[in-house]
N, C-alpha and C. Protein backbone atom coordinates (compact mmCIF):
# COMPACT_ATOMS: atom_id res chain seq x y z
N MET A 1 -14.72 -8.68 19.52
CA MET A 1 -13.32 -8.51 19.15
C MET A 1 -13.49 -7.41 18.66
N VAL A 2 -13.00 -6.15 18.05
CA VAL A 2 -12.94 -5.09 17.30
C VAL A 2 -11.58 -5.06 16.71
N ILE A 3 -11.39 -5.27 15.55
CA ILE A 3 -10.20 -5.45 14.28
C ILE A 3 -10.42 -4.23 13.70
N LEU A 4 -8.89 -3.53 13.76
CA LEU A 4 -8.76 -2.34 12.81
C LEU A 4 -7.42 -3.06 11.63
N GLY A 5 -8.01 -3.00 10.44
CA GLY A 5 -7.12 -2.90 8.90
C GLY A 5 -6.86 -2.03 8.40
N ILE A 6 -5.71 -2.01 8.18
CA ILE A 6 -4.84 -0.77 7.57
C ILE A 6 -3.84 -0.90 6.13
N ASP A 7 -4.59 -0.30 5.23
CA ASP A 7 -4.07 -0.04 3.52
C ASP A 7 -3.08 0.72 3.69
N PRO A 8 -1.93 0.77 4.25
CA PRO A 8 -0.99 1.88 4.14
C PRO A 8 -0.65 2.18 2.81
N GLY A 9 -0.72 4.10 2.89
CA GLY A 9 -0.13 4.30 1.27
C GLY A 9 0.27 6.25 1.74
N THR A 10 0.92 6.97 1.41
CA THR A 10 1.52 8.06 1.55
C THR A 10 0.52 8.91 1.40
N ALA A 11 -0.03 8.74 0.38
CA ALA A 11 -1.14 9.66 -0.39
C ALA A 11 -2.36 9.73 0.26
N VAL A 12 -2.86 8.22 0.10
CA VAL A 12 -4.33 7.42 0.86
C VAL A 12 -3.93 6.09 1.51
N CYS A 13 -4.19 6.45 2.70
CA CYS A 13 -4.30 5.21 3.53
C CYS A 13 -5.59 4.94 4.10
N GLY A 14 -6.25 3.73 3.59
CA GLY A 14 -7.38 3.02 4.31
C GLY A 14 -7.28 2.41 5.08
N PHE A 15 -8.79 2.53 5.81
CA PHE A 15 -8.76 1.85 7.34
C PHE A 15 -9.77 1.30 7.07
N GLY A 16 -10.07 0.19 8.10
CA GLY A 16 -11.52 -0.56 8.19
C GLY A 16 -11.67 -1.07 9.37
N LEU A 17 -12.84 -0.99 10.21
CA LEU A 17 -13.01 -1.56 11.45
C LEU A 17 -14.16 -2.72 11.35
N ILE A 18 -13.92 -3.83 11.92
CA ILE A 18 -14.96 -4.66 11.71
C ILE A 18 -14.98 -5.34 13.34
N GLU A 19 -16.27 -5.91 13.69
CA GLU A 19 -16.51 -6.71 15.21
C GLU A 19 -16.89 -7.69 14.85
N SER A 20 -16.27 -8.91 15.44
CA SER A 20 -16.21 -9.98 14.84
C SER A 20 -16.45 -10.88 16.12
N PRO A 21 -17.82 -10.95 17.11
CA PRO A 21 -18.09 -11.46 18.15
C PRO A 21 -18.01 -12.83 18.22
N LYS A 22 -18.08 -13.84 17.15
CA LYS A 22 -17.68 -15.31 17.12
C LYS A 22 -17.18 -15.22 15.49
N ALA A 23 -16.76 -16.67 15.41
CA ALA A 23 -16.02 -17.01 13.82
C ALA A 23 -17.13 -17.06 13.19
N ASN A 24 -16.84 -16.45 11.69
CA ASN A 24 -17.67 -16.20 10.98
C ASN A 24 -19.08 -15.41 11.15
N HIS A 25 -18.54 -14.33 11.83
CA HIS A 25 -19.64 -13.48 12.21
C HIS A 25 -19.25 -11.96 12.11
N TYR A 26 -19.43 -11.12 10.74
CA TYR A 26 -18.43 -10.10 10.76
C TYR A 26 -19.56 -8.93 10.97
N LYS A 27 -19.25 -7.95 11.57
CA LYS A 27 -20.25 -6.64 10.99
C LYS A 27 -19.14 -5.13 11.07
N CYS A 28 -19.31 -4.53 10.12
CA CYS A 28 -18.50 -3.38 9.83
C CYS A 28 -19.05 -2.30 10.93
N VAL A 29 -17.82 -1.75 11.55
CA VAL A 29 -17.94 -0.67 12.17
C VAL A 29 -18.14 0.81 11.67
N ASP A 30 -16.81 0.74 10.76
CA ASP A 30 -16.49 2.18 10.18
C ASP A 30 -15.23 1.68 9.07
N TYR A 31 -15.51 2.58 8.57
CA TYR A 31 -13.88 2.68 7.28
C TYR A 31 -13.93 3.88 6.79
N GLY A 32 -12.69 4.34 5.82
CA GLY A 32 -12.50 5.51 5.41
C GLY A 32 -10.97 5.55 5.23
N THR A 33 -10.66 6.54 4.44
CA THR A 33 -9.52 6.95 4.17
C THR A 33 -8.51 8.00 5.15
N ILE A 34 -7.41 8.13 5.16
CA ILE A 34 -6.47 9.24 5.70
C ILE A 34 -6.19 9.80 4.73
N ARG A 35 -6.05 10.92 4.13
CA ARG A 35 -5.73 11.53 3.02
C ARG A 35 -4.68 12.89 3.27
N SER A 36 -3.58 12.80 2.36
CA SER A 36 -2.29 13.57 2.20
C SER A 36 -2.46 14.47 1.21
N LYS A 37 -2.28 15.75 1.47
CA LYS A 37 -2.16 16.27 0.12
C LYS A 37 -0.47 16.11 -0.39
N SER A 38 -0.55 16.21 -1.76
CA SER A 38 0.45 15.49 -2.51
C SER A 38 1.74 16.55 -2.28
N GLY A 39 1.27 17.67 -2.44
CA GLY A 39 2.36 18.96 -2.26
C GLY A 39 2.89 18.66 -1.28
N LYS A 40 2.79 18.45 -0.02
CA LYS A 40 3.15 18.31 1.27
C LYS A 40 4.73 17.40 1.57
N PRO A 41 5.67 18.28 2.02
CA PRO A 41 6.74 17.28 2.55
C PRO A 41 6.40 15.89 2.77
N HIS A 42 7.00 14.98 2.52
CA HIS A 42 6.75 13.49 3.11
C HIS A 42 6.72 13.20 4.72
N ALA A 43 7.74 14.08 5.22
CA ALA A 43 7.64 13.70 6.67
C ALA A 43 6.49 14.19 7.35
N GLU A 44 5.62 15.26 6.35
CA GLU A 44 4.33 15.83 7.05
C GLU A 44 3.35 14.78 6.86
N ARG A 45 3.51 14.38 5.83
CA ARG A 45 2.39 13.20 5.47
C ARG A 45 2.63 12.04 6.03
N LEU A 46 3.78 11.77 6.65
CA LEU A 46 3.73 10.57 7.43
C LEU A 46 2.95 10.87 8.92
N LYS A 47 3.37 12.10 9.40
CA LYS A 47 2.88 12.72 10.42
C LYS A 47 0.86 12.78 10.40
N ARG A 48 0.51 13.08 9.38
CA ARG A 48 -0.78 12.83 9.32
C ARG A 48 -1.03 11.86 9.39
N MET A 49 -0.73 10.68 8.68
CA MET A 49 -1.05 9.39 8.88
C MET A 49 -0.93 9.11 10.10
N TYR A 50 0.22 9.19 10.84
CA TYR A 50 0.09 8.69 12.35
C TYR A 50 -0.99 8.91 13.30
N ASP A 51 -1.13 10.81 13.27
CA ASP A 51 -2.07 11.30 13.96
C ASP A 51 -3.46 10.93 13.48
N GLY A 52 -3.96 10.67 12.35
CA GLY A 52 -5.38 9.62 11.87
C GLY A 52 -5.30 8.37 12.53
N ILE A 53 -4.30 7.73 12.49
CA ILE A 53 -4.27 6.37 13.02
C ILE A 53 -4.51 6.36 14.66
N THR A 54 -3.77 7.03 15.26
CA THR A 54 -4.12 7.52 16.61
C THR A 54 -5.14 7.81 17.00
N ASP A 55 -5.85 8.64 16.25
CA ASP A 55 -7.33 8.88 16.63
C ASP A 55 -8.21 8.32 16.38
N ILE A 56 -8.21 7.39 15.30
CA ILE A 56 -9.07 6.10 15.14
C ILE A 56 -9.17 5.35 16.17
N ILE A 57 -7.51 4.96 16.59
CA ILE A 57 -7.35 3.69 17.93
C ILE A 57 -8.12 4.47 18.83
N ALA A 58 -7.80 5.69 19.37
CA ALA A 58 -8.77 6.72 20.43
C ALA A 58 -9.70 6.16 20.40
N ALA A 59 -10.44 6.16 19.20
CA ALA A 59 -11.82 6.51 19.09
C ALA A 59 -12.48 4.65 19.13
N TYR A 60 -11.96 3.86 18.66
CA TYR A 60 -12.48 2.86 18.76
C TYR A 60 -11.86 1.86 19.37
N GLN A 61 -10.88 2.00 20.26
CA GLN A 61 -10.31 1.09 21.38
C GLN A 61 -10.28 -0.23 20.61
N PRO A 62 -9.63 -0.48 19.33
CA PRO A 62 -9.93 -2.03 18.36
C PRO A 62 -8.84 -2.77 19.56
N ASP A 63 -9.17 -3.95 19.85
CA ASP A 63 -8.44 -5.23 19.97
C ASP A 63 -7.25 -5.52 19.36
N LEU A 64 -7.38 -5.44 18.36
CA LEU A 64 -6.21 -6.29 17.20
C LEU A 64 -6.44 -5.66 16.35
N MET A 65 -5.26 -5.59 15.25
CA MET A 65 -4.97 -4.50 14.28
C MET A 65 -3.71 -5.51 13.03
N ALA A 66 -4.35 -5.47 12.01
CA ALA A 66 -3.82 -5.89 10.73
C ALA A 66 -3.34 -4.84 9.74
N VAL A 67 -2.13 -5.33 9.11
CA VAL A 67 -1.71 -3.83 8.41
C VAL A 67 -1.24 -4.91 7.00
N GLU A 68 -1.50 -4.29 5.75
CA GLU A 68 -1.30 -5.04 4.60
C GLU A 68 0.63 -4.65 4.26
N ASP A 69 1.19 -6.02 4.18
CA ASP A 69 2.66 -5.71 3.53
C ASP A 69 2.94 -4.85 2.58
N ILE A 70 3.85 -4.17 2.12
CA ILE A 70 4.54 -3.44 0.91
C ILE A 70 4.42 -4.38 0.00
N PHE A 71 4.44 -4.13 -1.44
CA PHE A 71 4.46 -4.68 -2.29
C PHE A 71 5.83 -4.17 -3.05
N TYR A 72 6.61 -4.61 -3.52
CA TYR A 72 7.67 -4.28 -4.18
C TYR A 72 7.82 -4.51 -5.65
N GLY A 73 7.30 -3.34 -6.25
CA GLY A 73 7.44 -3.38 -7.93
C GLY A 73 8.77 -2.94 -8.09
N GLN A 74 8.68 -2.08 -9.35
CA GLN A 74 9.66 -1.49 -10.29
C GLN A 74 10.51 -0.34 -9.31
N ASN A 75 9.65 0.62 -8.94
CA ASN A 75 9.99 1.59 -8.38
C ASN A 75 10.75 1.65 -6.58
N VAL A 76 11.58 1.68 -6.68
CA VAL A 76 12.43 1.90 -5.64
C VAL A 76 11.78 2.43 -4.23
N GLN A 77 12.20 3.60 -4.95
CA GLN A 77 11.97 5.06 -4.49
C GLN A 77 10.22 4.93 -3.70
N ALA A 78 9.06 4.68 -4.63
CA ALA A 78 7.98 4.33 -3.70
C ALA A 78 8.02 3.11 -3.09
N ALA A 79 8.55 1.93 -3.17
CA ALA A 79 8.69 1.21 -2.10
C ALA A 79 9.00 1.61 -0.69
N LEU A 80 10.26 2.69 -0.64
CA LEU A 80 10.72 3.16 0.37
C LEU A 80 9.86 3.63 0.98
N LYS A 81 9.07 4.47 0.79
CA LYS A 81 8.13 5.73 0.89
C LYS A 81 6.62 5.13 1.35
N LEU A 82 6.60 3.54 0.89
CA LEU A 82 5.45 2.97 1.44
C LEU A 82 6.20 2.10 2.68
N GLY A 83 6.83 1.55 2.65
CA GLY A 83 7.68 1.11 3.88
C GLY A 83 7.72 1.97 5.08
N GLN A 84 8.01 3.26 4.45
CA GLN A 84 7.90 4.09 5.88
C GLN A 84 6.03 4.61 6.32
N ALA A 85 5.49 4.63 5.38
CA ALA A 85 4.26 4.95 6.01
C ALA A 85 3.51 3.59 6.44
N ARG A 86 4.11 2.03 6.32
CA ARG A 86 3.72 0.85 6.80
C ARG A 86 4.64 1.12 8.18
N GLY A 87 5.58 1.32 8.70
CA GLY A 87 6.20 1.48 9.82
C GLY A 87 5.16 2.76 10.88
N VAL A 88 4.84 3.59 10.08
CA VAL A 88 4.53 4.86 10.94
C VAL A 88 3.04 4.18 11.27
N VAL A 89 2.51 3.40 10.98
CA VAL A 89 1.46 2.30 10.93
C VAL A 89 1.70 1.67 12.31
N ILE A 90 2.26 0.64 11.89
CA ILE A 90 2.82 -0.22 13.20
C ILE A 90 2.94 0.18 14.59
N ILE A 91 3.70 1.38 14.28
CA ILE A 91 4.14 2.17 15.33
C ILE A 91 3.11 2.59 16.24
N ALA A 92 1.99 3.26 15.29
CA ALA A 92 0.78 3.65 16.03
C ALA A 92 -0.01 2.61 16.95
N GLY A 93 0.12 1.41 16.04
CA GLY A 93 -0.56 0.20 17.30
C GLY A 93 0.26 -0.16 18.23
N VAL A 94 1.66 -0.68 18.07
CA VAL A 94 2.43 -0.88 19.07
C VAL A 94 2.41 0.31 20.35
N ASN A 95 2.33 1.34 19.79
CA ASN A 95 2.35 2.55 20.83
C ASN A 95 1.18 2.70 21.83
N ALA A 96 0.17 2.03 21.03
CA ALA A 96 -1.17 2.12 21.80
C ALA A 96 -1.50 0.48 22.39
N GLY A 97 -0.59 -0.11 22.61
CA GLY A 97 -0.46 -1.75 23.23
C GLY A 97 -1.23 -2.59 22.24
N ILE A 98 -1.68 -2.02 21.11
CA ILE A 98 -2.34 -2.88 20.44
C ILE A 98 -1.34 -4.00 19.56
N PRO A 99 -2.10 -5.59 19.78
CA PRO A 99 -1.14 -6.46 18.36
C PRO A 99 -1.15 -5.94 17.15
N VAL A 100 -0.16 -6.31 16.72
CA VAL A 100 -0.10 -5.67 15.21
C VAL A 100 0.45 -6.91 14.51
N THR A 101 -0.75 -7.49 13.25
CA THR A 101 -0.45 -8.40 12.38
C THR A 101 -0.29 -8.39 10.73
N THR A 102 0.39 -8.53 10.44
CA THR A 102 0.82 -7.79 8.71
C THR A 102 0.40 -9.07 8.20
N TYR A 103 -0.30 -9.02 6.57
CA TYR A 103 -0.26 -9.86 5.98
C TYR A 103 -0.01 -9.59 4.59
N ALA A 104 0.50 -10.09 3.70
CA ALA A 104 0.88 -10.03 2.10
C ALA A 104 -0.59 -9.80 1.27
N ALA A 105 -0.56 -9.06 0.42
CA ALA A 105 -1.82 -8.76 -0.39
C ALA A 105 -2.52 -10.13 -1.17
N ARG A 106 -1.33 -10.90 -1.54
CA ARG A 106 -1.95 -12.25 -2.18
C ARG A 106 -2.45 -12.96 -0.79
N GLU A 107 -1.97 -12.97 0.60
CA GLU A 107 -2.29 -13.47 1.22
C GLU A 107 -4.09 -13.15 1.82
N VAL A 108 -4.12 -12.03 1.73
CA VAL A 108 -5.28 -11.47 2.00
C VAL A 108 -6.70 -11.75 1.04
N LYS A 109 -6.20 -11.48 -0.43
CA LYS A 109 -7.08 -12.09 -1.60
C LYS A 109 -7.12 -13.47 -1.77
N GLN A 110 -6.29 -14.31 -0.96
CA GLN A 110 -6.63 -15.97 -1.21
C GLN A 110 -7.69 -16.06 -0.03
N SER A 111 -7.51 -15.68 1.27
CA SER A 111 -8.52 -15.51 2.31
C SER A 111 -10.02 -15.04 2.00
N LEU A 112 -9.75 -13.98 1.13
CA LEU A 112 -11.24 -13.67 1.02
C LEU A 112 -11.91 -14.43 -0.07
N THR A 113 -11.31 -14.41 -1.38
CA THR A 113 -11.99 -15.01 -2.87
C THR A 113 -11.32 -16.32 -3.07
N GLY A 114 -10.63 -17.02 -2.48
CA GLY A 114 -9.96 -18.06 -2.92
C GLY A 114 -8.99 -17.75 -3.97
N TYR A 115 -8.85 -16.77 -4.42
CA TYR A 115 -7.63 -16.68 -5.43
C TYR A 115 -6.52 -15.77 -5.34
N GLY A 116 -5.62 -15.57 -4.87
CA GLY A 116 -4.50 -15.01 -4.56
C GLY A 116 -4.02 -13.51 -5.59
N ALA A 117 -4.10 -13.98 -6.94
CA ALA A 117 -4.67 -12.22 -7.94
C ALA A 117 -5.76 -12.03 -8.15
N ALA A 118 -6.58 -12.46 -6.97
CA ALA A 118 -7.97 -11.47 -7.42
C ALA A 118 -7.65 -9.94 -7.81
N SER A 119 -8.44 -9.49 -8.27
CA SER A 119 -8.58 -8.27 -8.64
C SER A 119 -8.95 -7.49 -7.49
N LYS A 120 -8.95 -6.02 -7.31
CA LYS A 120 -9.57 -5.05 -6.30
C LYS A 120 -10.70 -5.01 -6.03
N GLU A 121 -11.33 -5.25 -7.50
CA GLU A 121 -12.91 -5.49 -7.65
C GLU A 121 -13.52 -6.44 -6.94
N GLN A 122 -12.88 -7.83 -7.31
CA GLN A 122 -13.51 -8.92 -6.75
C GLN A 122 -13.66 -8.87 -5.24
N VAL A 123 -12.39 -8.62 -4.48
CA VAL A 123 -11.96 -8.00 -3.51
C VAL A 123 -13.16 -7.52 -2.79
N GLN A 124 -13.06 -6.07 -3.39
CA GLN A 124 -14.30 -5.37 -2.94
C GLN A 124 -15.91 -6.17 -2.94
N ARG A 125 -16.07 -6.95 -4.21
CA ARG A 125 -17.42 -7.55 -3.82
C ARG A 125 -17.48 -8.54 -2.46
N MET A 126 -16.51 -9.08 -2.52
CA MET A 126 -16.50 -10.25 -1.14
C MET A 126 -16.56 -9.57 0.01
N VAL A 127 -15.88 -8.26 0.11
CA VAL A 127 -15.77 -7.31 1.24
C VAL A 127 -17.70 -7.22 1.84
N ARG A 128 -18.25 -6.52 0.56
CA ARG A 128 -19.76 -6.18 0.31
C ARG A 128 -20.33 -7.51 1.21
N ASP A 129 -20.03 -8.53 0.37
CA ASP A 129 -20.81 -10.14 1.02
C ASP A 129 -20.83 -10.25 2.08
N MET A 130 -19.41 -10.23 2.55
CA MET A 130 -19.31 -11.04 3.83
C MET A 130 -19.65 -9.94 5.20
N LEU A 131 -19.79 -8.54 4.98
CA LEU A 131 -20.22 -7.89 6.06
C LEU A 131 -21.81 -7.58 5.55
N ASP A 132 -22.42 -8.18 4.60
CA ASP A 132 -23.47 -7.85 4.39
C ASP A 132 -23.82 -6.29 4.48
N LEU A 133 -23.32 -5.57 3.44
CA LEU A 133 -23.62 -4.77 3.36
C LEU A 133 -24.44 -3.96 1.99
N GLN A 134 -25.19 -2.97 2.00
CA GLN A 134 -26.03 -2.90 0.82
C GLN A 134 -25.33 -2.21 -0.75
N GLN A 135 -24.49 -1.87 -0.47
CA GLN A 135 -23.45 -1.58 -1.59
C GLN A 135 -21.93 -1.67 -1.34
N ALA A 136 -21.10 -1.81 -2.44
CA ALA A 136 -19.75 -1.88 -2.16
C ALA A 136 -18.97 -0.70 -1.60
N VAL A 137 -17.80 -0.97 -0.90
CA VAL A 137 -17.24 0.03 -0.05
C VAL A 137 -16.51 0.90 -1.20
N SER A 138 -16.16 2.17 -1.04
CA SER A 138 -15.44 2.64 -1.85
C SER A 138 -15.13 4.00 -1.10
N PRO A 139 -13.80 4.42 -1.43
CA PRO A 139 -12.92 4.10 -2.18
C PRO A 139 -12.21 2.59 -2.10
N LEU A 140 -11.60 2.04 -3.12
CA LEU A 140 -10.99 0.70 -2.83
C LEU A 140 -9.90 0.68 -1.72
N ASP A 141 -9.30 1.92 -1.57
CA ASP A 141 -8.17 1.73 -0.29
C ASP A 141 -9.14 1.49 0.87
N ALA A 142 -10.11 1.67 1.16
CA ALA A 142 -10.95 1.00 2.46
C ALA A 142 -11.92 -0.07 2.43
N SER A 143 -11.90 -0.23 1.20
CA SER A 143 -12.12 -1.86 0.89
C SER A 143 -11.38 -3.03 1.05
N ASP A 144 -10.21 -2.48 0.77
CA ASP A 144 -8.86 -3.16 0.88
C ASP A 144 -8.54 -3.54 2.63
N ALA A 145 -8.74 -2.28 3.21
CA ALA A 145 -8.21 -2.28 4.49
C ALA A 145 -9.43 -3.47 5.17
N LEU A 146 -10.46 -3.02 4.70
CA LEU A 146 -11.71 -4.13 5.49
C LEU A 146 -10.97 -5.42 5.37
N ALA A 147 -10.75 -5.86 4.01
CA ALA A 147 -10.48 -7.29 3.58
C ALA A 147 -9.39 -7.67 4.66
N ILE A 148 -8.55 -6.55 4.95
CA ILE A 148 -7.12 -6.93 6.05
C ILE A 148 -7.84 -7.44 7.12
N ALA A 149 -8.89 -6.80 7.67
CA ALA A 149 -9.23 -6.77 8.54
C ALA A 149 -10.01 -8.31 8.71
N LEU A 150 -10.74 -8.51 7.72
CA LEU A 150 -11.76 -9.76 7.30
C LEU A 150 -10.94 -10.74 7.65
N CYS A 151 -9.60 -11.06 7.00
CA CYS A 151 -8.50 -12.19 6.35
C CYS A 151 -7.71 -12.29 8.11
N HIS A 152 -7.65 -11.16 8.71
CA HIS A 152 -7.23 -11.40 10.33
C HIS A 152 -8.32 -12.32 11.40
N ALA A 153 -9.41 -11.48 10.92
CA ALA A 153 -10.32 -12.27 11.64
C ALA A 153 -10.39 -13.59 11.37
N GLN A 154 -10.30 -13.82 10.23
CA GLN A 154 -10.50 -15.70 9.76
C GLN A 154 -9.28 -16.30 10.79
N ARG A 155 -8.13 -15.62 10.62
CA ARG A 155 -7.02 -16.40 10.97
C ARG A 155 -7.29 -16.19 12.53
N TRP A 156 -7.61 -15.36 12.95
CA TRP A 156 -7.34 -15.51 14.54
C TRP A 156 -8.25 -16.19 15.23
N TRP A 157 -9.43 -16.69 14.74
CA TRP A 157 -10.69 -17.66 14.84
C TRP A 157 -10.03 -18.66 14.86
N THR A 158 -9.58 -19.17 14.01
CA THR A 158 -8.95 -20.76 13.25
C THR A 158 -7.90 -20.60 14.30
N ASP A 159 -7.11 -19.57 15.03
CA ASP A 159 -5.95 -20.12 15.48
C ASP A 159 -6.08 -20.29 17.18
N GLN A 160 -7.44 -19.64 17.37
CA GLN A 160 -8.61 -19.85 18.86
C GLN A 160 -8.88 -21.38 18.76
N LYS A 161 -9.37 -21.77 17.54
CA LYS A 161 -9.85 -23.21 17.75
C LYS A 161 -8.72 -24.00 17.64
N LEU A 162 -7.97 -23.71 17.06
CA LEU A 162 -6.84 -24.88 17.30
C LEU A 162 -5.80 -24.78 18.45
N LYS A 163 -5.68 -23.66 19.47
CA LYS A 163 -5.44 -23.61 20.79
C LYS A 163 -6.58 -24.62 21.81
N SER A 164 -7.51 -24.38 21.57
CA SER A 164 -8.46 -24.90 22.51
C SER A 164 -8.75 -26.62 22.31
N GLN A 165 -8.29 -27.03 21.05
CA GLN A 165 -8.28 -28.35 20.63
C GLN A 165 -7.07 -28.85 21.60
N LYS A 166 -5.99 -28.38 21.68
CA LYS A 166 -4.76 -28.99 22.21
C LYS A 166 -4.68 -29.28 23.79
């Protein structure tokens, strides 16, 4: 099973793909970012993100997709733009026929580190350890995307185990 994790952002959108053939077994397939130039109109940046996600989906044919929920801070405009970015990512997955699940950042951090307020660097270290990588994944947007995919894999396998016990 291949899982695509996405950390949506209007300037930098992180993606991470993992393979999880069975519970607690994870392999990094690929990761990176989709970047948009800051001077471009917002609509063009959203299209760049959509095109990038659809290209990744076409190349890797993931079975599942997990997306980080937006975090609302003080800036309403930024939250609205992030919401649009998240919507573009979700539509790309839905259009490809992939089940899409969303997770709050706190939930992802809790799942990987056991602490919902863990730093990005702590999450980055856990991603490296869980995927048995030689070095930390950089940039943090890509590391966060892999963390989202790992969180979803853990939840998915737990759900499968519970279903089989019924």
